[in-house]
C-alpha atoms as a PDB file:
ATOM      1  CA  MET A   1      -1.609   7.215 -11.178  1.00  0.00           C
ATOM      2  CA  TYR A   2      -5.172   6.000 -10.615  1.00  0.00           C
ATOM      3  CA  TRP A   3      -5.763   3.126  -8.181  1.00  0.00           C
ATOM      4  CA  MET A   4      -8.959   1.153  -7.690  1.00  0.00           C
ATOM      5  CA  GLU A   5     -10.220  -1.865  -5.775  1.00  0.00           C
ATOM      6  CA  LEU A   6     -10.531  -4.849  -8.110  1.00  0.00           C
ATOM      7  CA  TYR A   7     -11.398  -7.619  -5.668  1.00  0.00           C
ATOM      8  CA  SER A   8     -12.849  -8.003  -2.170  1.00  0.00           C
ATOM      9  CA  SER A   9     -13.811 -11.156  -0.280  1.00  0.00           C
ATOM     10  CA  GLU A  10     -14.561 -11.781   3.387  1.00  0.00           C
ATOM     11  CA  LYS A  11     -13.140 -15.288   3.009  1.00  0.00           C
ATOM     12  CA  PHE A  12      -9.705 -16.287   1.761  1.00  0.00           C
ATOM     13  CA  ASN A  13     -10.136 -18.124  -1.550  1.00  0.00           C
ATOM     14  CA  PRO A  14      -6.788 -18.947  -3.232  1.00  0.00           C
ATOM     15  CA  GLU A  15      -8.511 -20.482  -6.258  1.00  0.00           C
ATOM     16  CA  GLU A  16     -10.335 -17.213  -6.945  1.00  0.00           C
ATOM     17  CA  LEU A  17      -7.125 -15.249  -6.534  1.00  0.00           C
ATOM     18  CA  ALA A  18      -5.206 -17.561  -8.869  1.00  0.00           C
ATOM     19  CA  LEU A  19      -7.896 -17.092 -11.536  1.00  0.00           C
ATOM     20  CA  LEU A  20      -7.796 -13.347 -10.949  1.00  0.00           C
ATOM     21  CA  GLY A  21      -4.025 -13.475 -11.436  1.00  0.00           C
ATOM     22  CA  ARG A  22      -4.487 -15.279 -14.746  1.00  0.00           C
ATOM     23  CA  ALA A  23      -6.869 -12.548 -15.894  1.00  0.00           C
ATOM     24  CA  ILE A  24      -4.486  -9.793 -14.771  1.00  0.00           C
ATOM     25  CA  GLY A  25      -1.534 -11.444 -16.503  1.00  0.00           C
ATOM     26  CA  THR A  26      -3.565 -11.943 -19.682  1.00  0.00           C
ATOM     27  CA  VAL A  27      -4.408  -8.224 -19.816  1.00  0.00           C
ATOM     28  CA  SER A  28      -0.967  -6.916 -18.891  1.00  0.00           C
ATOM     29  CA  GLN A  29       1.370  -9.280 -20.783  1.00  0.00           C
ATOM     30  CA  GLY A  30       4.518  -7.761 -19.324  1.00  0.00           C
ATOM     31  CA  THR A  31       6.056  -6.910 -15.964  1.00  0.00           C
ATOM     32  CA  ILE A  32       3.650  -6.447 -13.046  1.00  0.00           C
ATOM     33  CA  VAL A  33       4.708  -5.003  -9.674  1.00  0.00           C
ATOM     34  CA  ILE A  34       3.066  -6.698  -6.705  1.00  0.00           C
ATOM     35  CA  GLY A  35       3.135  -5.800  -3.000  1.00  0.00           C
ATOM     36  CA  ARG A  36       1.249  -6.685   0.186  1.00  0.00           C
ATOM     37  CA  ASP A  37       0.527  -5.740   3.786  1.00  0.00           C
ATOM     38  CA  GLY A  38       1.718  -7.610   6.892  1.00  0.00           C
ATOM     39  CA  ARG A  39      -0.947 -10.300   7.278  1.00  0.00           C
ATOM     40  CA  ALA A  40      -0.174 -13.929   6.492  1.00  0.00           C
ATOM     41  CA  ILE A  41      -3.358 -14.131   4.390  1.00  0.00           C
ATOM     42  CA  SER A  42      -2.040 -11.303   2.221  1.00  0.00           C
ATOM     43  CA  ARG A  43       1.230 -13.168   1.732  1.00  0.00           C
ATOM     44  CA  TYR A  44      -0.620 -16.325   0.713  1.00  0.00           C
ATOM     45  CA  GLY A  45      -3.020 -14.326  -1.432  1.00  0.00           C
ATOM     46  CA  LYS A  46      -0.114 -12.690  -3.208  1.00  0.00           C
ATOM     47  CA  ARG A  47       1.361 -16.141  -3.897  1.00  0.00           C
ATOM     48  CA  ALA A  48      -1.919 -17.316  -5.416  1.00  0.00           C
ATOM     49  CA  LEU A  49      -2.110 -14.222  -7.609  1.00  0.00           C
ATOM     50  CA  ALA A  50       1.523 -14.742  -8.633  1.00  0.00           C
ATOM     51  CA  VAL A  51       0.854 -18.333  -9.735  1.00  0.00           C
ATOM     52  CA  GLY A  52      -1.919 -17.101 -11.990  1.00  0.00           C
ATOM     53  CA  ILE A  53       0.057 -14.176 -13.377  1.00  0.00           C
ATOM     54  CA  VAL A  54       3.207 -16.106 -14.297  1.00  0.00           C
ATOM     55  CA  SER A  55       1.117 -18.846 -15.955  1.00  0.00           C
ATOM     56  CA  THR A  56       0.300 -16.298 -18.678  1.00  0.00           C
ATOM     57  CA  GLY A  57       3.962 -15.514 -19.369  1.00  0.00           C
ATOM     58  CA  SER A  58       3.930 -12.209 -17.490  1.00  0.00           C
ATOM     59  CA  THR A  59       6.772 -11.384 -15.089  1.00  0.00           C
ATOM     60  CA  ILE A  60       6.326 -10.282 -11.474  1.00  0.00           C
ATOM     61  CA  MET A  61       8.410  -7.677  -9.662  1.00  0.00           C
ATOM     62  CA  ASP A  62       7.738  -8.559  -6.020  1.00  0.00           C
ATOM     63  CA  VAL A  63       8.319  -5.618  -3.645  1.00  0.00           C
ATOM     64  CA  ARG A  64       6.959  -7.663  -0.725  1.00  0.00           C
ATOM     65  CA  LEU A  65       5.865  -5.870   2.467  1.00  0.00           C
ATOM     66  CA  ILE A  66       5.117  -2.181   1.855  1.00  0.00           C
ATOM     67  CA  PRO A  67       2.479   0.441   2.767  1.00  0.00           C
ATOM     68  CA  LEU A  68       0.119   1.089  -0.129  1.00  0.00           C
ATOM     69  CA  VAL A  69       0.787   4.846  -0.041  1.00  0.00           C
ATOM     70  CA  ALA A  70       4.506   4.152  -0.532  1.00  0.00           C
ATOM     71  CA  LEU A  71       3.770   1.730  -3.374  1.00  0.00           C
ATOM     72  CA  LYS A  72       1.770   4.510  -5.052  1.00  0.00           C
ATOM     73  CA  ASP A  73       4.873   6.717  -4.932  1.00  0.00           C
ATOM     74  CA  PHE A  74       6.987   3.859  -6.273  1.00  0.00           C
ATOM     75  CA  GLY A  75       4.468   3.481  -9.084  1.00  0.00           C
ATOM     76  CA  LYS A  76       4.992   7.054 -10.216  1.00  0.00           C
ATOM     77  CA  LYS A  77       8.629   6.202 -10.917  1.00  0.00           C
ATOM     78  CA  LYS A  78       8.010   2.907 -12.710  1.00  0.00           C
ATOM     79  CA  ASP A  79       5.986   2.486 -15.880  1.00  0.00           C
ATOM     80  CA  TYR A  80       4.467  -0.847 -14.868  1.00  0.00           C
ATOM     81  CA  PRO A  81       1.025  -2.100 -13.817  1.00  0.00           C
ATOM     82  CA  PHE A  82       0.656  -2.521 -10.053  1.00  0.00           C
ATOM     83  CA  VAL A  83      -1.195  -4.984  -7.812  1.00  0.00           C
ATOM     84  CA  TYR A  84      -1.521  -4.705  -4.020  1.00  0.00           C
ATOM     85  CA  VAL A  85      -2.957  -7.369  -1.700  1.00  0.00           C
ATOM     86  CA  TYR A  86      -4.125  -6.421   1.793  1.00  0.00           C
ATOM     87  CA  TYR A  87      -6.547  -7.347   4.546  1.00  0.00           C
ATOM     88  CA  HIS A  88      -9.212  -4.937   5.805  1.00  0.00           C
ATOM     89  CA  GLY A  89     -12.396  -6.726   6.817  1.00  0.00           C
ATOM     90  CA  GLY A  90     -11.487  -9.358   4.246  1.00  0.00           C
ATOM     91  CA  VAL A  91      -8.964  -9.918   1.459  1.00  0.00           C
ATOM     92  CA  LYS A  92      -8.740  -7.014  -0.969  1.00  0.00           C
ATOM     93  CA  VAL A  93      -6.817  -6.411  -4.186  1.00  0.00           C
ATOM     94  CA  GLU A  94      -6.087  -2.933  -5.532  1.00  0.00           C
ATOM     95  CA  ILE A  95      -4.682  -2.292  -9.009  1.00  0.00           C
ATOM     96  CA  SER A  96      -3.212   0.501 -11.075  1.00  0.00           C
ATOM     97  CA  GLY A  97      -2.349   0.639 -14.765  1.00  0.00           C
ATOM     98  CA  ILE A  98      -4.623  -2.321 -15.524  1.00  0.00           C
ATOM     99  CA  ASP A  99      -8.003  -2.190 -17.284  1.00  0.00           C
ATOM    100  CA  ALA A 100     -10.380  -3.529 -14.623  1.00  0.00           C
ATOM    101  CA  GLU A 101     -13.270  -4.056 -17.049  1.00  0.00           C
ATOM    102  CA  GLU A 102     -11.058  -6.093 -19.358  1.00  0.00           C
ATOM    103  CA  VAL A 103      -9.832  -8.182 -16.421  1.00  0.00           C
ATOM    104  CA  GLU A 104     -13.421  -8.872 -15.330  1.00  0.00           C
ATOM    105  CA  THR A 105     -14.471  -9.813 -18.880  1.00  0.00           C
ATOM    106  CA  ILE A 106     -11.583 -12.253 -19.284  1.00  0.00           C
ATOM    107  CA  LEU A 107     -12.301 -13.693 -15.845  1.00  0.00           C
ATOM    108  CA  GLU A 108     -15.962 -14.210 -16.715  1.00  0.00           C
ATOM    109  CA  LYS A 109     -15.276 -15.806 -20.114  1.00  0.00           C
ATOM    110  CA  ARG A 110     -12.150 -17.706 -18.948  1.00  0.00           C
ATOM    111  CA  THR A 111     -10.262 -16.545 -22.047  1.00  0.00           C
ATOM    112  CA  PHE A 112      -6.843 -16.654 -20.378  1.00  0.00           C
ATOM    113  CA  VAL A 113      -3.505 -16.646 -22.160  1.00  0.00           C
ATOM    114  CA  GLU A 114      -1.821 -19.993 -21.584  1.00  0.00           C
ATOM    115  CA  ALA A 115       1.974 -19.758 -21.748  1.00  0.00           C
ATOM    116  CA  ALA A 116       3.994 -22.742 -22.873  1.00  0.00           C
ATOM    117  CA  PRO A 117       6.127 -24.335 -20.127  1.00  0.00           C
ATOM    118  CA  SER A 118       9.236 -22.707 -21.572  1.00  0.00           C
ATOM    119  CA  ASP A 119       7.543 -19.276 -21.518  1.00  0.00           C
ATOM    120  CA  ILE A 120       6.233 -19.256 -17.940  1.00  0.00           C
ATOM    121  CA  GLY A 121       6.896 -15.864 -16.361  1.00  0.00           C
ATOM    122  CA  ALA A 122       9.528 -15.258 -13.698  1.00  0.00           C
ATOM    123  CA  THR A 123       9.398 -13.584 -10.291  1.00  0.00           C
ATOM    124  CA  VAL A 124      11.999 -10.882  -9.654  1.00  0.00           C
ATOM    125  CA  TYR A 125      12.335  -9.845  -6.014  1.00  0.00           C
ATOM    126  CA  TYR A 126      12.863  -6.181  -5.156  1.00  0.00           C
ATOM    127  CA  PRO A 127      12.718  -6.049  -1.349  1.00  0.00           C
ATOM    128  CA  ASN A 128      14.363  -2.612  -1.127  1.00  0.00           C
ATOM    129  CA  ALA A 129      11.508  -0.646  -2.727  1.00  0.00           C
ATOM    130  CA  LEU A 130      10.376   0.905   0.568  1.00  0.00           C
ATOM    131  CA  GLU A 131      13.943   1.715   1.571  1.00  0.00           C
ATOM    132  CA  ASP A 132      14.531   3.406  -1.804  1.00  0.00           C
ATOM    133  CA  ILE A 133      11.383   5.506  -1.423  1.00  0.00           C
ATOM    134  CA  LEU A 134      12.318   6.594   2.114  1.00  0.00           C
ATOM    135  CA  HIS A 135      15.853   7.397   0.978  1.00  0.00           C
ATOM    136  CA  ASP A 136      14.541   9.659  -1.807  1.00  0.00           C
ATOM    137  CA  VAL A 137      12.106  11.441   0.522  1.00  0.00           C
ATOM    138  CA  ILE A 138      14.636  11.969   3.311  1.00  0.00           C
ATOM    139  CA  LYS A 139      17.290  13.160   0.860  1.00  0.00           C
ATOM    140  CA  HIS A 140      14.912  15.642  -0.821  1.00  0.00           C
ATOM    141  CA  TYR A 141      13.551  17.430   2.268  1.00  0.00           C
ATOM    142  CA  ASN A 142      15.569  19.241   4.904  1.00  0.00           C
ATOM    143  CA  PHE A 143      13.428  20.669   7.678  1.00  0.00           C
ATOM    144  CA  LYS A 144      12.867  20.134  11.399  1.00  0.00           C
ATOM    145  CA  LEU A 145       9.376  20.471  12.833  1.00  0.00           C
ATOM    146  CA  ASP A 146      10.129  19.915  16.540  1.00  0.00           C
ATOM    147  CA  MET A 147       6.502  18.844  16.973  1.00  0.00           C
ATOM    148  CA  LYS A 148       4.615  15.996  18.600  1.00  0.00           C
ATOM    149  CA  ALA A 149       2.266  13.841  16.510  1.00  0.00           C
ATOM    150  CA  LEU A 150      -0.211  11.039  17.090  1.00  0.00           C
ATOM    151  CA  VAL A 151       0.027   8.483  14.279  1.00  0.00           C
ATOM    152  CA  ASP A 152      -2.666   5.872  13.670  1.00  0.00           C
ATOM    153  CA  CYS A 153      -1.137   3.113  11.535  1.00  0.00           C
ATOM    154  CA  MET A 154      -4.499   1.293  11.305  1.00  0.00           C
ATOM    155  CA  ASN A 155      -2.608  -2.032  11.435  1.00  0.00           C
ATOM    156  CA  THR A 156      -0.979  -1.302   8.058  1.00  0.00           C
ATOM    157  CA  PRO A 157       2.771  -1.447   7.263  1.00  0.00           C
ATOM    158  CA  ALA A 158       2.857   2.356   7.758  1.00  0.00           C
ATOM    159  CA  VAL A 159       4.650   1.560  11.018  1.00  0.00           C
ATOM    160  CA  LEU A 160       7.697   0.771   8.829  1.00  0.00           C
ATOM    161  CA  LEU A 161       7.958   4.455   7.901  1.00  0.00           C
ATOM    162  CA  PHE A 162       8.951   5.195  11.493  1.00  0.00           C
ATOM    163  CA  PRO A 163      11.332   5.988  13.143  1.00  0.00           C
ATOM    164  CA  ARG A 164      13.120   7.081   9.926  1.00  0.00           C
ATOM    165  CA  ILE A 165      10.634   9.885   9.207  1.00  0.00           C
ATOM    166  CA  SER A 166      10.293  10.979  12.839  1.00  0.00           C
ATOM    167  CA  GLU A 167      14.081  11.145  13.307  1.00  0.00           C
ATOM    168  CA  LYS A 168      14.770  13.024  10.073  1.00  0.00           C
ATOM    169  CA  PHE A 169      12.079  15.664  10.542  1.00  0.00           C
ATOM    170  CA  SER A 170      12.209  15.924  14.348  1.00  0.00           C
ATOM    171  CA  ILE A 171       8.708  14.647  15.034  1.00  0.00           C
ATOM    172  CA  ASN A 172       8.028  13.044  18.419  1.00  0.00           C
ATOM    173  CA  VAL A 173       5.612  10.271  17.411  1.00  0.00           C
ATOM    174  CA  ASP A 174       3.149   8.215  19.432  1.00  0.00           C
ATOM    175  CA  LEU A 175       1.893   5.209  17.461  1.00  0.00           C
ATOM    176  CA  ILE A 176      -1.462   3.454  17.827  1.00  0.00           C
ATOM    177  CA  ASN A 177      -2.853   0.477  15.885  1.00  0.00           C
ATOM    178  CA  ASP A 178       0.706  -0.433  14.920  1.00  0.00           C
ATOM    179  CA  MET A 179       0.233  -4.237  15.014  1.00  0.00           C
ATOM    180  CA  MET A 180       0.460  -4.805  11.274  1.00  0.00           C
ATOM    181  CA  THR A 181       0.023  -8.579  11.579  1.00  0.00           C
ATOM    182  CA  SER A 182      -3.217  -8.340  13.577  1.00  0.00           C
ATOM    183  CA  TYR A 183      -6.534  -9.464  12.122  1.00  0.00           C
ATOM    184  CA  LEU A 184      -8.488  -7.631  14.819  1.00  0.00           C
ATOM    185  CA  PRO A 185     -10.075  -4.393  13.578  1.00  0.00           C
ATOM    186  CA  PRO A 186      -7.977  -1.371  14.533  1.00  0.00           C
ATOM    187  CA  LYS A 187      -9.290   0.813  17.332  1.00  0.00           C
ATOM    188  CA  PRO A 188     -11.945   3.058  15.749  1.00  0.00           C
ATOM    189  CA  LYS A 189     -11.426   6.603  14.543  1.00  0.00           C
ATOM    190  CA  GLU A 190     -13.190   7.942  17.632  1.00  0.00           C
ATOM    191  CA  VAL A 191     -10.415   6.558  19.863  1.00  0.00           C
ATOM    192  CA  PHE A 192      -7.815   8.319  17.728  1.00  0.00           C
ATOM    193  CA  LEU A 193      -9.728  11.618  17.831  1.00  0.00           C
ATOM    194  CA  GLN A 194     -10.248  11.410  21.595  1.00  0.00           C
ATOM    195  CA  LYS A 195      -6.574  10.692  22.232  1.00  0.00           C
ATOM    196  CA  LEU A 196      -5.569  13.486  19.833  1.00  0.00           C
ATOM    197  CA  ALA A 197      -7.830  15.985  21.616  1.00  0.00           C
ATOM    198  CA  LYS A 198      -6.703  15.045  25.119  1.00  0.00           C
ATOM    199  CA  GLY A 199      -2.994  14.760  24.383  1.00  0.00           C
ATOM    200  CA  SER A 200      -0.494  17.564  23.839  1.00  0.00           C
ATOM    201  CA  TYR A 201      -0.162  16.844  20.118  1.00  0.00           C
ATOM    202  CA  ASP A 202       0.565  19.383  17.385  1.00  0.00           C
ATOM    203  CA  PHE A 203      -1.138  17.224  14.743  1.00  0.00           C
ATOM    204  CA  GLY A 204      -2.365  13.707  13.962  1.00  0.00           C
ATOM    205  CA  LEU A 205      -1.984  11.297  11.033  1.00  0.00           C
ATOM    206  CA  ARG A 206      -4.069   8.283  10.039  1.00  0.00           C
ATOM    207  CA  PHE A 207      -2.658   5.872   7.449  1.00  0.00           C
ATOM    208  CA  ARG A 208      -5.707   4.246   5.873  1.00  0.00           C
ATOM    209  CA  PRO A 209      -5.415   0.737   4.362  1.00  0.00           C
ATOM    210  CA  ASP A 210      -6.491   2.115   0.956  1.00  0.00           C
ATOM    211  CA  GLY A 211      -3.339   4.235   0.734  1.00  0.00           C
ATOM    212  CA  ILE A 212      -4.753   7.583   1.862  1.00  0.00           C
ATOM    213  CA  ILE A 213      -3.136   9.625   4.657  1.00  0.00           C
ATOM    214  CA  GLU A 214      -5.437  11.796   6.762  1.00  0.00           C
ATOM    215  CA  PHE A 215      -3.875  14.844   8.458  1.00  0.00           C
ATOM    216  CA  TYR A 216      -5.597  16.372  11.511  1.00  0.00           C
ATOM    217  CA  LYS A 217      -4.790  19.756  13.038  1.00  0.00           C
ATOM    218  CA  ASP A 218      -6.975  22.227  14.937  1.00  0.00           C
ATOM    219  CA  GLY A 219     -10.203  20.569  13.762  1.00  0.00           C
ATOM    220  CA  ASP A 220      -9.102  20.652  10.111  1.00  0.00           C
ATOM    221  CA  VAL A 221      -8.673  17.451   8.070  1.00  0.00           C
ATOM    222  CA  LYS A 222      -6.618  17.141   4.892  1.00  0.00           C
ATOM    223  CA  LYS A 223      -6.042  14.038   2.748  1.00  0.00           C
ATOM    224  CA  PHE A 224      -2.946  12.976   0.847  1.00  0.00           C
ATOM    225  CA  ASP A 225      -2.342  10.021  -1.486  1.00  0.00           C
ATOM    226  CA  SER A 226       1.442  10.393  -1.540  1.00  0.00           C
ATOM    227  CA  LEU A 227       4.296  10.687   0.939  1.00  0.00           C
ATOM    228  CA  TRP A 228       5.650  13.505  -1.211  1.00  0.00           C
ATOM    229  CA  SER A 229       2.486  15.597  -0.994  1.00  0.00           C
ATOM    230  CA  LEU A 230       2.354  14.965   2.766  1.00  0.00           C
ATOM    231  CA  MET A 231       5.967  16.112   3.155  1.00  0.00           C
ATOM    232  CA  ASP A 232       5.295  19.203   1.047  1.00  0.00           C
ATOM    233  CA  TYR A 233       2.532  20.101   3.459  1.00  0.00           C
ATOM    234  CA  LEU A 234       4.502  19.257   6.609  1.00  0.00           C
ATOM    235  CA  SER A 235       7.318  21.508   5.407  1.00  0.00           C
ATOM    236  CA  SER A 236       4.831  24.390   5.319  1.00  0.00           C
ATOM    237  CA  LEU A 237       4.109  23.924   9.028  1.00  0.00           C
ATOM    238  CA  ILE A 238       7.487  25.360  10.037  1.00  0.00           C
ATOM    239  CA  THR A 239       6.135  28.818   9.151  1.00  0.00           C
ATOM    240  CA  TRP A 240       3.198  28.449  11.548  1.00  0.00           C
END
């Protein structure tokens, strides 16, 4: 499932986000899954988007607070368009299953669908999406690494994946940049690399805000866009 950045703004502008939501709802005309990171701005931004989306008659499935990489995995199971709101040097909106060019054209021309009051879309809350994803992953894999890892959460909700993952797969985890509500930039990559090199770690992980996981071991770097592909690779480490 292809994801792309649709919107980025250094300043929080709810009016812009509401208009963007109207354009998204006009294009999709159905159920749209929406999630966010841990910042208050993202929560308010998601609300603004939701107002615009439901005004077109489209319905929202709100999965609330979730790491983008986990939402990508959730998206592979659900045949819906997806929207994710997060903060990384400004407010950003990522989408999947939605024609970005069509959204931008409708936004420019203001040719929104206007639903009648009786046809305004609803919001359905699905707060257990992350729990369901973790349950599926933990149920599917059965290995113990008995390793130590440095995990850089980059102030994303990736911190919510632990300690479930560390306990299941026997990974002793040290977390950095795990303040998912902070607006301060996370400590830079160089700090992570220095700590990884000086510590007695078997490998390192960085959970980027754009939903990519970086894996570091012995000077090698691999990238994963799914928890499943990461777990497939981690399971191969038991033969090392």
